[in-house]
Amino acid sequence: MPPRNDLATLTLPVIYDADGIHHVARAGMITDGATVSRALWRIVPPFRTPYLAAAMIHDHYCYKSMTLPADSPERYSLRLANDGLFRVMCADLGASVAMQAFLYQAVRLGSLASQKSPSIPDYEREPAAFLDWRLAQ
């Protein structure tokens, strides 16, 4: 498989704290920026969005969900909670309510597509860290 030129490797960790939970996308993680449809890149350019940190944490949990069996309810729950966390992070980064809704739907579509045929390999194989704070809401 030829190398892809639309990927980057984090050289520093990306950290987000929410409700006392520390979320970290570690250095070394491979990312495509924002996993949204190519058709939306004019609105949400993968590596030039103000919500890039949220996208990095989102990618981290997408990888974590792939460590679970594809048909497991835990995998679906983690993906759904991850998408909700992404929306919360975008709000914290200044996204309007309309932009939050748009980004949430864009990332839902992008993450569902990537779940069916992940194009980026896992950067670690640790057990999934569930987003309990989000699942409880």
C-alpha atoms as a PDB file:
ATOM      1  CA  MET A   1       0.000   0.000   0.000  1.00  0.00           C
ATOM      2  CA  PRO A   2       1.514   3.386  -0.951  1.00  0.00           C
ATOM      3  CA  PRO A   3       2.054   5.948   1.816  1.00  0.00           C
ATOM      4  CA  ARG A   4      -0.761   8.408   2.342  1.00  0.00           C
ATOM      5  CA  ASN A   5      -0.040  12.119   2.251  1.00  0.00           C
ATOM      6  CA  ASP A   6      -3.175  13.077   4.165  1.00  0.00           C
ATOM      7  CA  LEU A   7      -1.976  11.690   7.511  1.00  0.00           C
ATOM      8  CA  ALA A   8       0.090  13.187  10.302  1.00  0.00           C
ATOM      9  CA  THR A   9       1.723  11.823  13.443  1.00  0.00           C
ATOM     10  CA  LEU A  10       1.311  13.700  16.711  1.00  0.00           C
ATOM     11  CA  THR A  11       4.692  14.803  18.033  1.00  0.00           C
ATOM     12  CA  LEU A  12       3.210  16.041  21.315  1.00  0.00           C
ATOM     13  CA  PRO A  13       0.258  14.742  23.306  1.00  0.00           C
ATOM     14  CA  VAL A  14      -3.107  16.483  23.057  1.00  0.00           C
ATOM     15  CA  ILE A  15      -4.813  16.739  26.438  1.00  0.00           C
ATOM     16  CA  TYR A  16      -8.387  17.648  27.352  1.00  0.00           C
ATOM     17  CA  ASP A  17      -9.875  17.642  30.850  1.00  0.00           C
ATOM     18  CA  ALA A  18     -13.626  17.374  31.315  1.00  0.00           C
ATOM     19  CA  ASP A  19     -15.473  16.892  34.577  1.00  0.00           C
ATOM     20  CA  GLY A  20     -12.357  15.573  36.277  1.00  0.00           C
ATOM     21  CA  ILE A  21     -11.522  13.080  33.516  1.00  0.00           C
ATOM     22  CA  HIS A  22      -8.184  13.420  31.753  1.00  0.00           C
ATOM     23  CA  HIS A  23      -8.376  12.562  28.014  1.00  0.00           C
ATOM     24  CA  VAL A  24      -5.051  12.159  26.180  1.00  0.00           C
ATOM     25  CA  ALA A  25      -4.193  11.507  22.545  1.00  0.00           C
ATOM     26  CA  ARG A  26      -0.580  10.436  22.903  1.00  0.00           C
ATOM     27  CA  ALA A  27       2.401  11.492  20.854  1.00  0.00           C
ATOM     28  CA  GLY A  28       2.870   8.973  18.065  1.00  0.00           C
ATOM     29  CA  MET A  29      -0.812   8.721  17.177  1.00  0.00           C
ATOM     30  CA  ILE A  30      -1.495   8.785  13.439  1.00  0.00           C
ATOM     31  CA  THR A  31      -4.384  11.008  12.430  1.00  0.00           C
ATOM     32  CA  ASP A  32      -6.151  12.304   9.352  1.00  0.00           C
ATOM     33  CA  GLY A  33      -6.987  15.580  11.098  1.00  0.00           C
ATOM     34  CA  ALA A  34     -10.759  15.638  11.181  1.00  0.00           C
ATOM     35  CA  THR A  35     -12.461  12.446  10.020  1.00  0.00           C
ATOM     36  CA  VAL A  36     -15.140  14.079   7.924  1.00  0.00           C
ATOM     37  CA  SER A  37     -16.249  13.476   4.373  1.00  0.00           C
ATOM     38  CA  ARG A  38     -13.982  14.991   1.734  1.00  0.00           C
ATOM     39  CA  ALA A  39     -17.008  16.942   0.488  1.00  0.00           C
ATOM     40  CA  LEU A  40     -16.987  18.922   3.762  1.00  0.00           C
ATOM     41  CA  TRP A  41     -13.290  19.844   3.673  1.00  0.00           C
ATOM     42  CA  ARG A  42     -14.099  23.356   2.384  1.00  0.00           C
ATOM     43  CA  ILE A  43     -16.016  24.007   5.618  1.00  0.00           C
ATOM     44  CA  VAL A  44     -13.917  21.861   7.978  1.00  0.00           C
ATOM     45  CA  PRO A  45     -10.395  21.523   6.536  1.00  0.00           C
ATOM     46  CA  PRO A  46      -8.812  18.465   8.209  1.00  0.00           C
ATOM     47  CA  PHE A  47      -5.700  20.124   9.635  1.00  0.00           C
ATOM     48  CA  ARG A  48      -6.805  23.763   9.627  1.00  0.00           C
ATOM     49  CA  THR A  49      -9.840  23.769  11.841  1.00  0.00           C
ATOM     50  CA  PRO A  50     -10.022  25.574  15.194  1.00  0.00           C
ATOM     51  CA  TYR A  51     -11.442  22.311  16.529  1.00  0.00           C
ATOM     52  CA  LEU A  52      -8.366  20.221  15.688  1.00  0.00           C
ATOM     53  CA  ALA A  53      -7.620  19.351  19.338  1.00  0.00           C
ATOM     54  CA  ALA A  54     -11.155  17.963  19.656  1.00  0.00           C
ATOM     55  CA  ALA A  55     -10.610  15.927  16.494  1.00  0.00           C
ATOM     56  CA  MET A  56      -7.375  14.455  17.918  1.00  0.00           C
ATOM     57  CA  ILE A  57      -9.091  13.283  21.117  1.00  0.00           C
ATOM     58  CA  HIS A  58     -11.944  11.950  18.972  1.00  0.00           C
ATOM     59  CA  ASP A  59      -9.493   9.953  16.834  1.00  0.00           C
ATOM     60  CA  HIS A  60      -7.927   8.534  20.000  1.00  0.00           C
ATOM     61  CA  TYR A  61     -11.259   7.112  21.165  1.00  0.00           C
ATOM     62  CA  CYS A  62     -12.113   5.895  17.657  1.00  0.00           C
ATOM     63  CA  TYR A  63      -8.954   3.788  17.818  1.00  0.00           C
ATOM     64  CA  LYS A  64      -9.941   2.580  21.265  1.00  0.00           C
ATOM     65  CA  SER A  65     -13.362   1.517  20.009  1.00  0.00           C
ATOM     66  CA  MET A  66     -11.689  -0.572  17.301  1.00  0.00           C
ATOM     67  CA  THR A  67     -10.088  -2.710  20.015  1.00  0.00           C
ATOM     68  CA  LEU A  68     -13.581  -3.988  20.857  1.00  0.00           C
ATOM     69  CA  PRO A  69     -15.474  -6.602  18.823  1.00  0.00           C
ATOM     70  CA  ALA A  70     -17.249  -4.972  15.872  1.00  0.00           C
ATOM     71  CA  ASP A  71     -20.693  -6.200  16.888  1.00  0.00           C
ATOM     72  CA  SER A  72     -20.399  -5.430  20.609  1.00  0.00           C
ATOM     73  CA  PRO A  73     -22.749  -2.934  22.274  1.00  0.00           C
ATOM     74  CA  GLU A  74     -19.728  -1.531  24.147  1.00  0.00           C
ATOM     75  CA  ARG A  75     -18.100  -0.536  20.860  1.00  0.00           C
ATOM     76  CA  TYR A  76     -21.230   1.293  19.735  1.00  0.00           C
ATOM     77  CA  SER A  77     -21.608   2.967  23.145  1.00  0.00           C
ATOM     78  CA  LEU A  78     -18.007   4.137  23.112  1.00  0.00           C
ATOM     79  CA  ARG A  79     -18.359   5.557  19.597  1.00  0.00           C
ATOM     80  CA  LEU A  80     -21.565   7.390  20.516  1.00  0.00           C
ATOM     81  CA  ALA A  81     -20.062   8.758  23.744  1.00  0.00           C
ATOM     82  CA  ASN A  82     -16.931   9.777  21.840  1.00  0.00           C
ATOM     83  CA  ASP A  83     -18.979  11.734  19.315  1.00  0.00           C
ATOM     84  CA  GLY A  84     -20.779  13.466  22.200  1.00  0.00           C
ATOM     85  CA  LEU A  85     -17.441  14.329  23.820  1.00  0.00           C
ATOM     86  CA  PHE A  86     -16.313  15.796  20.488  1.00  0.00           C
ATOM     87  CA  ARG A  87     -19.359  18.085  20.462  1.00  0.00           C
ATOM     88  CA  VAL A  88     -18.660  19.215  24.046  1.00  0.00           C
ATOM     89  CA  MET A  89     -15.006  19.920  23.206  1.00  0.00           C
ATOM     90  CA  CYS A  90     -16.027  21.939  20.134  1.00  0.00           C
ATOM     91  CA  ALA A  91     -18.335  24.005  22.349  1.00  0.00           C
ATOM     92  CA  ASP A  92     -15.449  24.587  24.774  1.00  0.00           C
ATOM     93  CA  LEU A  93     -13.319  25.675  21.813  1.00  0.00           C
ATOM     94  CA  GLY A  94     -15.879  28.332  20.865  1.00  0.00           C
ATOM     95  CA  ALA A  95     -18.133  26.628  18.318  1.00  0.00           C
ATOM     96  CA  SER A  96     -21.595  28.143  18.029  1.00  0.00           C
ATOM     97  CA  VAL A  97     -24.577  25.890  18.684  1.00  0.00           C
ATOM     98  CA  ALA A  98     -25.179  25.629  14.933  1.00  0.00           C
ATOM     99  CA  MET A  99     -21.515  24.762  14.283  1.00  0.00           C
ATOM    100  CA  GLN A 100     -21.578  22.179  17.092  1.00  0.00           C
ATOM    101  CA  ALA A 101     -24.575  20.486  15.470  1.00  0.00           C
ATOM    102  CA  PHE A 102     -22.926  20.570  12.044  1.00  0.00           C
ATOM    103  CA  LEU A 103     -19.601  19.211  13.327  1.00  0.00           C
ATOM    104  CA  TYR A 104     -21.345  16.501  15.354  1.00  0.00           C
ATOM    105  CA  GLN A 105     -23.256  15.269  12.307  1.00  0.00           C
ATOM    106  CA  ALA A 106     -20.134  15.482  10.125  1.00  0.00           C
ATOM    107  CA  VAL A 107     -18.067  13.470  12.578  1.00  0.00           C
ATOM    108  CA  ARG A 108     -20.888  10.925  13.082  1.00  0.00           C
ATOM    109  CA  LEU A 109     -20.908  10.256   9.356  1.00  0.00           C
ATOM    110  CA  GLY A 110     -17.111  10.223   9.123  1.00  0.00           C
ATOM    111  CA  SER A 111     -16.604   7.986  12.125  1.00  0.00           C
ATOM    112  CA  LEU A 112     -19.282   5.534  11.000  1.00  0.00           C
ATOM    113  CA  ALA A 113     -17.571   5.256   7.617  1.00  0.00           C
ATOM    114  CA  SER A 114     -14.134   4.805   9.189  1.00  0.00           C
ATOM    115  CA  GLN A 115     -15.515   2.165  11.558  1.00  0.00           C
ATOM    116  CA  LYS A 116     -16.590   0.016   8.612  1.00  0.00           C
ATOM    117  CA  SER A 117     -13.210   0.199   6.917  1.00  0.00           C
ATOM    118  CA  PRO A 118     -10.606   1.868   9.136  1.00  0.00           C
ATOM    119  CA  SER A 119      -7.899   3.404   6.996  1.00  0.00           C
ATOM    120  CA  ILE A 120      -5.588   4.291   9.876  1.00  0.00           C
ATOM    121  CA  PRO A 121      -3.985   1.576  11.986  1.00  0.00           C
ATOM    122  CA  ASP A 122      -4.363   1.459  15.756  1.00  0.00           C
ATOM    123  CA  TYR A 123      -1.495   3.232  17.448  1.00  0.00           C
ATOM    124  CA  GLU A 124      -1.970   1.241  20.612  1.00  0.00           C
ATOM    125  CA  ARG A 125      -3.931  -1.802  21.675  1.00  0.00           C
ATOM    126  CA  GLU A 126      -4.870  -1.002  25.263  1.00  0.00           C
ATOM    127  CA  PRO A 127      -8.387  -1.801  26.507  1.00  0.00           C
ATOM    128  CA  ALA A 128     -10.941   0.885  25.738  1.00  0.00           C
ATOM    129  CA  ALA A 129     -11.346   3.642  28.307  1.00  0.00           C
ATOM    130  CA  PHE A 130     -15.076   4.265  28.473  1.00  0.00           C
ATOM    131  CA  LEU A 131     -16.433   7.774  28.697  1.00  0.00           C
ATOM    132  CA  ASP A 132     -18.588   7.154  31.747  1.00  0.00           C
ATOM    133  CA  TRP A 133     -19.320  10.837  32.319  1.00  0.00           C
ATOM    134  CA  ARG A 134     -21.038  11.013  28.915  1.00  0.00           C
ATOM    135  CA  LEU A 135     -22.783   7.636  28.988  1.00  0.00           C
ATOM    136  CA  ALA A 136     -24.451   8.545  32.287  1.00  0.00           C
ATOM    137  CA  GLN A 137     -26.158  11.603  30.784  1.00  0.00           C
END
